[in-house]
Amino acid sequence: MSLDRDETIAEFGRVVNMTPAALRKWLATNESQSVGMTSEGEKVTAKGQGEAVGHQMGGRILEIKARKQAELTDNDLADMRKVIGYVHRPGKQRPGGDVTDTRWRHSLMNWGHDPLL
């Protein structure tokens, strides 16, 4: 089932729980740039191995968050739905124990969601 415009905006606001400033700061870190998968399906384990899809989407989230709701395009809404879907899937795969410094958390943070907030 596809979310309508208002539902998408509301759910995006819930799942993207990092502020734009916090997300921007996070995306600049080595940890952010050392996790995820590239669009070619290659695993990123270190900075400089290519940009992960999630890291790219983090930049896109910043663009979306900078817009007024009335300015959101169909492409923005489609990307917002991707973020919502991504955050809900790995959220169900939380590893046991302390997740503070895990690839799982770092990947979610690239998508604007910090599970520890």
PDB file of N, CA and C in Angstrom:
ATOM      1  N   MET A   1       0.831  -1.174   0.000  1.00  0.00           N
ATOM      2  CA  MET A   1       0.000   0.000   0.000  1.00  0.00           C
ATOM      3  C   MET A   1       0.884   1.249   0.000  1.00  0.00           C
ATOM      4  N   SER A   2       0.611   2.161  -0.894  1.00  0.00           N
ATOM      5  CA  SER A   2       1.380   3.376  -1.019  1.00  0.00           C
ATOM      6  C   SER A   2       0.802   4.467  -0.123  1.00  0.00           C
ATOM      7  N   LEU A   3       1.685   5.215   0.492  1.00  0.00           N
ATOM      8  CA  LEU A   3       1.252   6.310   1.344  1.00  0.00           C
ATOM      9  C   LEU A   3       0.863   7.511   0.495  1.00  0.00           C
ATOM     10  N   ASP A   4      -0.180   8.224   0.907  1.00  0.00           N
ATOM     11  CA  ASP A   4      -0.527   9.444   0.180  1.00  0.00           C
ATOM     12  C   ASP A   4       0.426  10.561   0.621  1.00  0.00           C
ATOM     13  N   ARG A   5       0.295  11.719   0.004  1.00  0.00           N
ATOM     14  CA  ARG A   5       1.206  12.838   0.250  1.00  0.00           C
ATOM     15  C   ARG A   5       1.294  13.191   1.736  1.00  0.00           C
ATOM     16  N   ASP A   6       0.155  13.408   2.382  1.00  0.00           N
ATOM     17  CA  ASP A   6       0.163  13.816   3.789  1.00  0.00           C
ATOM     18  C   ASP A   6       0.735  12.727   4.698  1.00  0.00           C
ATOM     19  N   GLU A   7       0.374  11.470   4.417  1.00  0.00           N
ATOM     20  CA  GLU A   7       0.903  10.354   5.212  1.00  0.00           C
ATOM     21  C   GLU A   7       2.413  10.230   5.022  1.00  0.00           C
ATOM     22  N   THR A   8       2.873  10.428   3.794  1.00  0.00           N
ATOM     23  CA  THR A   8       4.304  10.351   3.510  1.00  0.00           C
ATOM     24  C   THR A   8       5.059  11.431   4.273  1.00  0.00           C
ATOM     25  N   ILE A   9       4.570  12.646   4.223  1.00  0.00           N
ATOM     26  CA  ILE A   9       5.229  13.759   4.919  1.00  0.00           C
ATOM     27  C   ILE A   9       5.262  13.495   6.425  1.00  0.00           C
ATOM     28  N   ALA A  10       4.168  13.031   6.981  1.00  0.00           N
ATOM     29  CA  ALA A  10       4.104  12.763   8.421  1.00  0.00           C
ATOM     30  C   ALA A  10       5.056  11.639   8.817  1.00  0.00           C
ATOM     31  N   GLU A  11       5.046  10.536   8.071  1.00  0.00           N
ATOM     32  CA  GLU A  11       5.904   9.392   8.419  1.00  0.00           C
ATOM     33  C   GLU A  11       7.380   9.729   8.209  1.00  0.00           C
ATOM     34  N   PHE A  12       7.700  10.467   7.171  1.00  0.00           N
ATOM     35  CA  PHE A  12       9.071  10.920   6.937  1.00  0.00           C
ATOM     36  C   PHE A  12       9.547  11.736   8.142  1.00  0.00           C
ATOM     37  N   GLY A  13       8.689  12.609   8.640  1.00  0.00           N
ATOM     38  CA  GLY A  13       9.029  13.403   9.822  1.00  0.00           C
ATOM     39  C   GLY A  13       9.280  12.555  11.053  1.00  0.00           C
ATOM     40  N   ARG A  14       8.598  11.419  11.149  1.00  0.00           N
ATOM     41  CA  ARG A  14       8.807  10.520  12.287  1.00  0.00           C
ATOM     42  C   ARG A  14      10.099   9.715  12.146  1.00  0.00           C
ATOM     43  N   VAL A  15      10.366   9.189  10.950  1.00  0.00           N
ATOM     44  CA  VAL A  15      11.525   8.299  10.807  1.00  0.00           C
ATOM     45  C   VAL A  15      12.835   9.068  10.687  1.00  0.00           C
ATOM     46  N   VAL A  16      12.802  10.256  10.109  1.00  0.00           N
ATOM     47  CA  VAL A  16      14.023  11.075  10.036  1.00  0.00           C
ATOM     48  C   VAL A  16      14.072  11.875  11.333  1.00  0.00           C
ATOM     49  N   ASN A  17      14.716  11.273  12.334  1.00  0.00           N
ATOM     50  CA  ASN A  17      14.719  11.870  13.667  1.00  0.00           C
ATOM     51  C   ASN A  17      15.993  12.659  13.962  1.00  0.00           C
ATOM     52  N   MET A  18      16.898  12.750  13.001  1.00  0.00           N
ATOM     53  CA  MET A  18      18.100  13.569  13.164  1.00  0.00           C
ATOM     54  C   MET A  18      17.820  14.959  12.590  1.00  0.00           C
ATOM     55  N   THR A  19      18.297  15.973  13.268  1.00  0.00           N
ATOM     56  CA  THR A  19      18.155  17.329  12.752  1.00  0.00           C
ATOM     57  C   THR A  19      19.029  17.481  11.510  1.00  0.00           C
ATOM     58  N   PRO A  20      18.718  18.425  10.645  1.00  0.00           N
ATOM     59  CA  PRO A  20      19.592  18.646   9.492  1.00  0.00           C
ATOM     60  C   PRO A  20      21.043  18.915   9.905  1.00  0.00           C
ATOM     61  N   ALA A  21      21.256  19.678  10.966  1.00  0.00           N
ATOM     62  CA  ALA A  21      22.625  19.962  11.417  1.00  0.00           C
ATOM     63  C   ALA A  21      23.333  18.685  11.869  1.00  0.00           C
ATOM     64  N   ALA A  22      22.634  17.842  12.625  1.00  0.00           N
ATOM     65  CA  ALA A  22      23.226  16.587  13.096  1.00  0.00           C
ATOM     66  C   ALA A  22      23.504  15.652  11.930  1.00  0.00           C
ATOM     67  N   LEU A  23      22.590  15.579  10.973  1.00  0.00           N
ATOM     68  CA  LEU A  23      22.790  14.709   9.818  1.00  0.00           C
ATOM     69  C   LEU A  23      23.954  15.205   8.971  1.00  0.00           C
ATOM     70  N   ARG A  24      24.025  16.502   8.731  1.00  0.00           N
ATOM     71  CA  ARG A  24      25.122  17.078   7.946  1.00  0.00           C
ATOM     72  C   ARG A  24      26.470  16.764   8.602  1.00  0.00           C
ATOM     73  N   LYS A  25      26.530  16.949   9.929  1.00  0.00           N
ATOM     74  CA  LYS A  25      27.766  16.660  10.675  1.00  0.00           C
ATOM     75  C   LYS A  25      28.115  15.174  10.576  1.00  0.00           C
ATOM     76  N   TRP A  26      27.099  14.301  10.728  1.00  0.00           N
ATOM     77  CA  TRP A  26      27.313  12.856  10.648  1.00  0.00           C
ATOM     78  C   TRP A  26      27.845  12.445   9.279  1.00  0.00           C
ATOM     79  N   LEU A  27      27.256  12.970   8.205  1.00  0.00           N
ATOM     80  CA  LEU A  27      27.641  12.576   6.851  1.00  0.00           C
ATOM     81  C   LEU A  27      29.093  12.928   6.533  1.00  0.00           C
ATOM     82  N   ALA A  28      29.664  13.869   7.273  1.00  0.00           N
ATOM     83  CA  ALA A  28      31.060  14.265   7.058  1.00  0.00           C
ATOM     84  C   ALA A  28      32.059  13.352   7.767  1.00  0.00           C
ATOM     85  N   THR A  29      31.585  12.428   8.597  1.00  0.00           N
ATOM     86  CA  THR A  29      32.492  11.575   9.373  1.00  0.00           C
ATOM     87  C   THR A  29      32.994  10.373   8.571  1.00  0.00           C
ATOM     88  N   ASN A  30      34.129   9.845   8.997  1.00  0.00           N
ATOM     89  CA  ASN A  30      34.663   8.621   8.396  1.00  0.00           C
ATOM     90  C   ASN A  30      33.705   7.453   8.594  1.00  0.00           C
ATOM     91  N   GLU A  31      33.067   7.390   9.765  1.00  0.00           N
ATOM     92  CA  GLU A  31      32.144   6.292  10.052  1.00  0.00           C
ATOM     93  C   GLU A  31      30.981   6.283   9.061  1.00  0.00           C
ATOM     94  N   SER A  32      30.461   7.462   8.760  1.00  0.00           N
ATOM     95  CA  SER A  32      29.350   7.567   7.810  1.00  0.00           C
ATOM     96  C   SER A  32      29.766   7.120   6.419  1.00  0.00           C
ATOM     97  N   GLN A  33      30.979   7.464   6.042  1.00  0.00           N
ATOM     98  CA  GLN A  33      31.473   7.168   4.700  1.00  0.00           C
ATOM     99  C   GLN A  33      32.084   5.777   4.582  1.00  0.00           C
ATOM    100  N   SER A  34      31.991   4.998   5.650  1.00  0.00           N
ATOM    101  CA  SER A  34      32.598   3.659   5.686  1.00  0.00           C
ATOM    102  C   SER A  34      31.576   2.558   5.916  1.00  0.00           C
ATOM    103  N   VAL A  35      30.331   2.787   5.516  1.00  0.00           N
ATOM    104  CA  VAL A  35      29.286   1.808   5.769  1.00  0.00           C
ATOM    105  C   VAL A  35      28.269   1.841   4.633  1.00  0.00           C
ATOM    106  N   GLY A  36      27.685   0.690   4.349  1.00  0.00           N
ATOM    107  CA  GLY A  36      26.632   0.603   3.346  1.00  0.00           C
ATOM    108  C   GLY A  36      27.063  -0.131   2.095  1.00  0.00           C
ATOM    109  N   MET A  37      26.218  -0.008   1.078  1.00  0.00           N
ATOM    110  CA  MET A  37      26.462  -0.647  -0.216  1.00  0.00           C
ATOM    111  C   MET A  37      26.384   0.410  -1.305  1.00  0.00           C
ATOM    112  N   THR A  38      27.257   0.295  -2.300  1.00  0.00           N
ATOM    113  CA  THR A  38      27.192   1.207  -3.438  1.00  0.00           C
ATOM    114  C   THR A  38      26.021   0.816  -4.331  1.00  0.00           C
ATOM    115  N   SER A  39      25.691   1.672  -5.266  1.00  0.00           N
ATOM    116  CA  SER A  39      24.596   1.355  -6.191  1.00  0.00           C
ATOM    117  C   SER A  39      24.953   0.171  -7.082  1.00  0.00           C
ATOM    118  N   GLU A  40      26.247  -0.164  -7.163  1.00  0.00           N
ATOM    119  CA  GLU A  40      26.699  -1.327  -7.932  1.00  0.00           C
ATOM    120  C   GLU A  40      26.695  -2.607  -7.102  1.00  0.00           C
ATOM    121  N   GLY A  41      26.312  -2.488  -5.819  1.00  0.00           N
ATOM    122  CA  GLY A  41      26.226  -3.663  -4.951  1.00  0.00           C
ATOM    123  C   GLY A  41      27.503  -4.006  -4.217  1.00  0.00           C
ATOM    124  N   GLU A  42      28.474  -3.103  -4.231  1.00  0.00           N
ATOM    125  CA  GLU A  42      29.728  -3.331  -3.514  1.00  0.00           C
ATOM    126  C   GLU A  42      29.611  -2.842  -2.076  1.00  0.00           C
ATOM    127  N   LYS A  43      30.116  -3.638  -1.137  1.00  0.00           N
ATOM    128  CA  LYS A  43      30.082  -3.267   0.269  1.00  0.00           C
ATOM    129  C   LYS A  43      31.138  -2.195   0.541  1.00  0.00           C
ATOM    130  N   VAL A  44      30.751  -1.147   1.241  1.00  0.00           N
ATOM    131  CA  VAL A  44      31.666  -0.080   1.622  1.00  0.00           C
ATOM    132  C   VAL A  44      32.095  -0.332   3.064  1.00  0.00           C
ATOM    133  N   THR A  45      33.400  -0.487   3.268  1.00  0.00           N
ATOM    134  CA  THR A  45      33.914  -0.722   4.618  1.00  0.00           C
ATOM    135  C   THR A  45      34.953   0.309   5.031  1.00  0.00           C
ATOM    136  N   ALA A  46      35.310   1.212   4.113  1.00  0.00           N
ATOM    137  CA  ALA A  46      36.284   2.254   4.422  1.00  0.00           C
ATOM    138  C   ALA A  46      36.020   3.466   3.534  1.00  0.00           C
ATOM    139  N   LYS A  47      36.350   4.632   4.056  1.00  0.00           N
ATOM    140  CA  LYS A  47      36.200   5.860   3.290  1.00  0.00           C
ATOM    141  C   LYS A  47      37.026   5.742   2.011  1.00  0.00           C
ATOM    142  N   GLY A  48      36.472   6.177   0.901  1.00  0.00           N
ATOM    143  CA  GLY A  48      37.190   6.148  -0.363  1.00  0.00           C
ATOM    144  C   GLY A  48      36.889   4.938  -1.229  1.00  0.00           C
ATOM    145  N   GLN A  49      36.067   4.015  -0.731  1.00  0.00           N
ATOM    146  CA  GLN A  49      35.713   2.829  -1.518  1.00  0.00           C
ATOM    147  C   GLN A  49      34.509   3.054  -2.404  1.00  0.00           C
ATOM    148  N   GLY A  50      34.045   4.254  -2.481  1.00  0.00           N
ATOM    149  CA  GLY A  50      32.840   4.569  -3.234  1.00  0.00           C
ATOM    150  C   GLY A  50      31.781   5.049  -2.277  1.00  0.00           C
ATOM    151  N   GLU A  51      30.809   5.768  -2.819  1.00  0.00           N
ATOM    152  CA  GLU A  51      29.766   6.305  -1.953  1.00  0.00           C
ATOM    153  C   GLU A  51      28.607   5.322  -1.856  1.00  0.00           C
ATOM    154  N   ALA A  52      28.219   5.033  -0.631  1.00  0.00           N
ATOM    155  CA  ALA A  52      27.095   4.142  -0.380  1.00  0.00           C
ATOM    156  C   ALA A  52      25.782   4.840  -0.733  1.00  0.00           C
ATOM    157  N   VAL A  53      24.809   4.040  -1.098  1.00  0.00           N
ATOM    158  CA  VAL A  53      23.480   4.553  -1.430  1.00  0.00           C
ATOM    159  C   VAL A  53      22.910   5.348  -0.255  1.00  0.00           C
ATOM    160  N   GLY A  54      23.073   4.831   0.951  1.00  0.00           N
ATOM    161  CA  GLY A  54      22.555   5.530   2.129  1.00  0.00           C
ATOM    162  C   GLY A  54      23.216   6.873   2.345  1.00  0.00           C
ATOM    163  N   HIS A  55      24.524   6.947   2.085  1.00  0.00           N
ATOM    164  CA  HIS A  55      25.235   8.217   2.235  1.00  0.00           C
ATOM    165  C   HIS A  55      24.711   9.223   1.210  1.00  0.00           C
ATOM    166  N   GLN A  56      24.499   8.766  -0.014  1.00  0.00           N
ATOM    167  CA  GLN A  56      23.912   9.640  -1.039  1.00  0.00           C
ATOM    168  C   GLN A  56      22.530  10.108  -0.599  1.00  0.00           C
ATOM    169  N   MET A  57      21.747   9.195  -0.069  1.00  0.00           N
ATOM    170  CA  MET A  57      20.390   9.534   0.352  1.00  0.00           C
ATOM    171  C   MET A  57      20.417  10.517   1.519  1.00  0.00           C
ATOM    172  N   GLY A  58      21.431  10.449   2.355  1.00  0.00           N
ATOM    173  CA  GLY A  58      21.560  11.426   3.439  1.00  0.00           C
ATOM    174  C   GLY A  58      21.622  12.848   2.894  1.00  0.00           C
ATOM    175  N   GLY A  59      22.389  13.035   1.820  1.00  0.00           N
ATOM    176  CA  GLY A  59      22.437  14.343   1.172  1.00  0.00           C
ATOM    177  C   GLY A  59      21.094  14.733   0.585  1.00  0.00           C
ATOM    178  N   ARG A  60      20.416  13.767   0.017  1.00  0.00           N
ATOM    179  CA  ARG A  60      19.091  14.013  -0.563  1.00  0.00           C
ATOM    180  C   ARG A  60      18.091  14.391   0.526  1.00  0.00           C
ATOM    181  N   ILE A  61      18.190  13.753   1.688  1.00  0.00           N
ATOM    182  CA  ILE A  61      17.314  14.079   2.812  1.00  0.00           C
ATOM    183  C   ILE A  61      17.507  15.544   3.214  1.00  0.00           C
ATOM    184  N   LEU A  62      18.753  15.997   3.229  1.00  0.00           N
ATOM    185  CA  LEU A  62      19.012  17.397   3.566  1.00  0.00           C
ATOM    186  C   LEU A  62      18.345  18.338   2.565  1.00  0.00           C
ATOM    187  N   GLU A  63      18.375  17.966   1.290  1.00  0.00           N
ATOM    188  CA  GLU A  63      17.707  18.782   0.272  1.00  0.00           C
ATOM    189  C   GLU A  63      16.202  18.834   0.525  1.00  0.00           C
ATOM    190  N   ILE A  64      15.624  17.677   0.811  1.00  0.00           N
ATOM    191  CA  ILE A  64      14.177  17.600   1.044  1.00  0.00           C
ATOM    192  C   ILE A  64      13.785  18.403   2.279  1.00  0.00           C
ATOM    193  N   LYS A  65      14.557  18.254   3.355  1.00  0.00           N
ATOM    194  CA  LYS A  65      14.239  18.951   4.602  1.00  0.00           C
ATOM    195  C   LYS A  65      14.346  20.467   4.445  1.00  0.00           C
ATOM    196  N   ALA A  66      15.121  20.940   3.481  1.00  0.00           N
ATOM    197  CA  ALA A  66      15.278  22.372   3.261  1.00  0.00           C
ATOM    198  C   ALA A  66      14.098  22.986   2.509  1.00  0.00           C
ATOM    199  N   ARG A  67      13.254  22.155   1.941  1.00  0.00           N
ATOM    200  CA  ARG A  67      12.105  22.637   1.172  1.00  0.00           C
ATOM    201  C   ARG A  67      10.873  22.818   2.056  1.00  0.00           C
ATOM    202  N   LYS A  68      10.011  23.707   1.637  1.00  0.00           N
ATOM    203  CA  LYS A  68       8.700  23.850   2.269  1.00  0.00           C
ATOM    204  C   LYS A  68       7.819  22.724   1.750  1.00  0.00           C
ATOM    205  N   GLN A  69       6.864  22.290   2.556  1.00  0.00           N
ATOM    206  CA  GLN A  69       5.997  21.177   2.158  1.00  0.00           C
ATOM    207  C   GLN A  69       5.302  21.433   0.829  1.00  0.00           C
ATOM    208  N   ALA A  70       4.901  22.654   0.592  1.00  0.00           N
ATOM    209  CA  ALA A  70       4.193  22.983  -0.652  1.00  0.00           C
ATOM    210  C   ALA A  70       5.102  22.861  -1.875  1.00  0.00           C
ATOM    211  N   GLU A  71       6.414  22.889  -1.666  1.00  0.00           N
ATOM    212  CA  GLU A  71       7.381  22.810  -2.764  1.00  0.00           C
ATOM    213  C   GLU A  71       7.817  21.378  -3.081  1.00  0.00           C
ATOM    214  N   LEU A  72       7.379  20.407  -2.290  1.00  0.00           N
ATOM    215  CA  LEU A  72       7.809  19.024  -2.498  1.00  0.00           C
ATOM    216  C   LEU A  72       7.274  18.493  -3.824  1.00  0.00           C
ATOM    217  N   THR A  73       8.173  17.883  -4.592  1.00  0.00           N
ATOM    218  CA  THR A  73       7.818  17.327  -5.897  1.00  0.00           C
ATOM    219  C   THR A  73       7.469  15.848  -5.763  1.00  0.00           C
ATOM    220  N   ASP A  74       6.971  15.274  -6.849  1.00  0.00           N
ATOM    221  CA  ASP A  74       6.702  13.832  -6.865  1.00  0.00           C
ATOM    222  C   ASP A  74       7.987  13.051  -6.626  1.00  0.00           C
ATOM    223  N   ASN A  75       9.120  13.517  -7.152  1.00  0.00           N
ATOM    224  CA  ASN A  75      10.415  12.854  -6.916  1.00  0.00           C
ATOM    225  C   ASN A  75      10.801  12.931  -5.445  1.00  0.00           C
ATOM    226  N   ASP A  76      10.557  14.078  -4.823  1.00  0.00           N
ATOM    227  CA  ASP A  76      10.837  14.207  -3.391  1.00  0.00           C
ATOM    228  C   ASP A  76      10.017  13.195  -2.602  1.00  0.00           C
ATOM    229  N   LEU A  77       8.737  13.112  -2.917  1.00  0.00           N
ATOM    230  CA  LEU A  77       7.856  12.173  -2.211  1.00  0.00           C
ATOM    231  C   LEU A  77       8.286  10.728  -2.438  1.00  0.00           C
ATOM    232  N   ALA A  78       8.711  10.407  -3.645  1.00  0.00           N
ATOM    233  CA  ALA A  78       9.198   9.045  -3.920  1.00  0.00           C
ATOM    234  C   ALA A  78      10.438   8.747  -3.086  1.00  0.00           C
ATOM    235  N   ASP A  79      11.349   9.709  -2.998  1.00  0.00           N
ATOM    236  CA  ASP A  79      12.553   9.496  -2.177  1.00  0.00           C
ATOM    237  C   ASP A  79      12.209   9.431  -0.696  1.00  0.00           C
ATOM    238  N   MET A  80      11.234  10.201  -0.270  1.00  0.00           N
ATOM    239  CA  MET A  80      10.794  10.130   1.122  1.00  0.00           C
ATOM    240  C   MET A  80      10.247   8.740   1.432  1.00  0.00           C
ATOM    241  N   ARG A  81       9.517   8.156   0.490  1.00  0.00           N
ATOM    242  CA  ARG A  81       8.984   6.790   0.683  1.00  0.00           C
ATOM    243  C   ARG A  81      10.122   5.768   0.734  1.00  0.00           C
ATOM    244  N   LYS A  82      11.186   5.981  -0.043  1.00  0.00           N
ATOM    245  CA  LYS A  82      12.352   5.085   0.027  1.00  0.00           C
ATOM    246  C   LYS A  82      12.974   5.134   1.416  1.00  0.00           C
ATOM    247  N   VAL A  83      13.112   6.341   1.948  1.00  0.00           N
ATOM    248  CA  VAL A  83      13.688   6.507   3.287  1.00  0.00           C
ATOM    249  C   VAL A  83      12.816   5.787   4.312  1.00  0.00           C
ATOM    250  N   ILE A  84      11.533   5.992   4.238  1.00  0.00           N
ATOM    251  CA  ILE A  84      10.592   5.348   5.171  1.00  0.00           C
ATOM    252  C   ILE A  84      10.743   3.829   5.101  1.00  0.00           C
ATOM    253  N   GLY A  85      10.746   3.290   3.901  1.00  0.00           N
ATOM    254  CA  GLY A  85      10.879   1.841   3.726  1.00  0.00           C
ATOM    255  C   GLY A  85      12.193   1.320   4.257  1.00  0.00           C
ATOM    256  N   TYR A  86      13.283   2.048   3.965  1.00  0.00           N
ATOM    257  CA  TYR A  86      14.598   1.594   4.420  1.00  0.00           C
ATOM    258  C   TYR A  86      14.661   1.585   5.942  1.00  0.00           C
ATOM    259  N   VAL A  87      14.208   2.642   6.568  1.00  0.00           N
ATOM    260  CA  VAL A  87      14.303   2.729   8.025  1.00  0.00           C
ATOM    261  C   VAL A  87      13.461   1.647   8.692  1.00  0.00           C
ATOM    262  N   HIS A  88      12.309   1.336   8.142  1.00  0.00           N
ATOM    263  CA  HIS A  88      11.457   0.305   8.748  1.00  0.00           C
ATOM    264  C   HIS A  88      12.049  -1.094   8.593  1.00  0.00           C
ATOM    265  N   ARG A  89      12.714  -1.395   7.477  1.00  0.00           N
ATOM    266  CA  ARG A  89      13.275  -2.742   7.279  1.00  0.00           C
ATOM    267  C   ARG A  89      14.415  -3.051   8.239  1.00  0.00           C
ATOM    268  N   PRO A  90      15.518  -2.293   8.233  1.00  0.00           N
ATOM    269  CA  PRO A  90      16.610  -2.635   9.153  1.00  0.00           C
ATOM    270  C   PRO A  90      16.246  -2.432  10.612  1.00  0.00           C
ATOM    271  N   GLY A  91      15.274  -1.581  10.869  1.00  0.00           N
ATOM    272  CA  GLY A  91      14.848  -1.387  12.247  1.00  0.00           C
ATOM    273  C   GLY A  91      14.394  -2.677  12.891  1.00  0.00           C
ATOM    274  N   LYS A  92      13.896  -3.588  12.083  1.00  0.00           N
ATOM    275  CA  LYS A  92      13.454  -4.891  12.576  1.00  0.00           C
ATOM    276  C   LYS A  92      14.612  -5.870  12.737  1.00  0.00           C
ATOM    277  N   GLN A  93      15.792  -5.497  12.260  1.00  0.00           N
ATOM    278  CA  GLN A  93      16.958  -6.382  12.303  1.00  0.00           C
ATOM    279  C   GLN A  93      17.982  -5.925  13.332  1.00  0.00           C
ATOM    280  N   ARG A  94      17.539  -5.230  14.342  1.00  0.00           N
ATOM    281  CA  ARG A  94      18.438  -4.685  15.360  1.00  0.00           C
ATOM    282  C   ARG A  94      19.272  -5.806  15.985  1.00  0.00           C
ATOM    283  N   PRO A  95      20.582  -5.636  15.995  1.00  0.00           N
ATOM    284  CA  PRO A  95      21.422  -6.649  16.643  1.00  0.00           C
ATOM    285  C   PRO A  95      21.292  -6.563  18.160  1.00  0.00           C
ATOM    286  N   GLY A  96      21.656  -7.611  18.816  1.00  0.00           N
ATOM    287  CA  GLY A  96      21.615  -7.616  20.270  1.00  0.00           C
ATOM    288  C   GLY A  96      22.752  -6.806  20.858  1.00  0.00           C
ATOM    289  N   GLY A  97      22.617  -6.462  22.108  1.00  0.00           N
ATOM    290  CA  GLY A  97      23.677  -5.752  22.816  1.00  0.00           C
ATOM    291  C   GLY A  97      23.704  -4.263  22.508  1.00  0.00           C
ATOM    292  N   ASP A  98      24.834  -3.676  22.834  1.00  0.00           N
ATOM    293  CA  ASP A  98      25.039  -2.239  22.646  1.00  0.00           C
ATOM    294  C   ASP A  98      25.234  -1.949  21.163  1.00  0.00           C
ATOM    295  N   VAL A  99      24.386  -1.134  20.581  1.00  0.00           N
ATOM    296  CA  VAL A  99      24.453  -0.840  19.144  1.00  0.00           C
ATOM    297  C   VAL A  99      25.110   0.510  18.854  1.00  0.00           C
ATOM    298  N   THR A 100      25.670   1.145  19.871  1.00  0.00           N
ATOM    299  CA  THR A 100      26.216   2.493  19.718  1.00  0.00           C
ATOM    300  C   THR A 100      27.177   2.610  18.551  1.00  0.00           C
ATOM    301  N   ASP A 101      28.119   1.703  18.430  1.00  0.00           N
ATOM    302  CA  ASP A 101      29.151   1.803  17.396  1.00  0.00           C
ATOM    303  C   ASP A 101      29.065   0.616  16.434  1.00  0.00           C
ATOM    304  N   THR A 102      27.883   0.406  15.865  1.00  0.00           N
ATOM    305  CA  THR A 102      27.689  -0.724  14.950  1.00  0.00           C
ATOM    306  C   THR A 102      27.414  -0.233  13.533  1.00  0.00           C
ATOM    307  N   ARG A 103      27.740  -1.069  12.563  1.00  0.00           N
ATOM    308  CA  ARG A 103      27.428  -0.760  11.167  1.00  0.00           C
ATOM    309  C   ARG A 103      25.918  -0.591  10.983  1.00  0.00           C
ATOM    310  N   TRP A 104      25.134  -1.360  11.727  1.00  0.00           N
ATOM    311  CA  TRP A 104      23.677  -1.277  11.649  1.00  0.00           C
ATOM    312  C   TRP A 104      23.213   0.140  11.983  1.00  0.00           C
ATOM    313  N   ARG A 105      23.665   0.670  13.106  1.00  0.00           N
ATOM    314  CA  ARG A 105      23.268   2.030  13.506  1.00  0.00           C
ATOM    315  C   ARG A 105      23.813   3.058  12.533  1.00  0.00           C
ATOM    316  N   HIS A 106      25.078   2.915  12.154  1.00  0.00           N
ATOM    317  CA  HIS A 106      25.693   3.887  11.247  1.00  0.00           C
ATOM    318  C   HIS A 106      24.957   3.942   9.908  1.00  0.00           C
ATOM    319  N   SER A 107      24.550   2.793   9.421  1.00  0.00           N
ATOM    320  CA  SER A 107      23.802   2.759   8.166  1.00  0.00           C
ATOM    321  C   SER A 107      22.473   3.503   8.305  1.00  0.00           C
ATOM    322  N   LEU A 108      21.751   3.248   9.384  1.00  0.00           N
ATOM    323  CA  LEU A 108      20.485   3.945   9.610  1.00  0.00           C
ATOM    324  C   LEU A 108      20.697   5.452   9.749  1.00  0.00           C
ATOM    325  N   MET A 109      21.776   5.842  10.385  1.00  0.00           N
ATOM    326  CA  MET A 109      22.054   7.265  10.543  1.00  0.00           C
ATOM    327  C   MET A 109      22.298   7.937   9.203  1.00  0.00           C
ATOM    328  N   ASN A 110      22.898   7.232   8.246  1.00  0.00           N
ATOM    329  CA  ASN A 110      23.065   7.803   6.907  1.00  0.00           C
ATOM    330  C   ASN A 110      21.716   8.129   6.287  1.00  0.00           C
ATOM    331  N   TRP A 111      20.679   7.413   6.680  1.00  0.00           N
ATOM    332  CA  TRP A 111      19.306   7.625   6.180  1.00  0.00           C
ATOM    333  C   TRP A 111      18.529   8.577   7.088  1.00  0.00           C
ATOM    334  N   GLY A 112      19.237   9.255   8.006  1.00  0.00           N
ATOM    335  CA  GLY A 112      18.609  10.268   8.854  1.00  0.00           C
ATOM    336  C   GLY A 112      17.939   9.749  10.104  1.00  0.00           C
ATOM    337  N   HIS A 113      18.135   8.469  10.414  1.00  0.00           N
ATOM    338  CA  HIS A 113      17.483   7.881  11.592  1.00  0.00           C
ATOM    339  C   HIS A 113      18.519   7.347  12.568  1.00  0.00           C
ATOM    340  N   ASP A 114      18.538   7.934  13.755  1.00  0.00           N
ATOM    341  CA  ASP A 114      19.404   7.420  14.815  1.00  0.00           C
ATOM    342  C   ASP A 114      18.539   6.612  15.771  1.00  0.00           C
ATOM    343  N   PRO A 115      18.719   5.280  15.807  1.00  0.00           N
ATOM    344  CA  PRO A 115      17.871   4.441  16.654  1.00  0.00           C
ATOM    345  C   PRO A 115      18.082   4.680  18.142  1.00  0.00           C
ATOM    346  N   LEU A 116      19.107   5.429  18.513  1.00  0.00           N
ATOM    347  CA  LEU A 116      19.332   5.704  19.928  1.00  0.00           C
ATOM    348  C   LEU A 116      18.673   7.001  20.398  1.00  0.00           C
ATOM    349  N   LEU A 117      18.037   7.718  19.472  1.00  0.00           N
ATOM    350  CA  LEU A 117      17.339   8.957  19.882  1.00  0.00           C
ATOM    351  C   LEU A 117      15.939   8.644  20.374  1.00  0.00           C
TER     352      LEU A 117
END
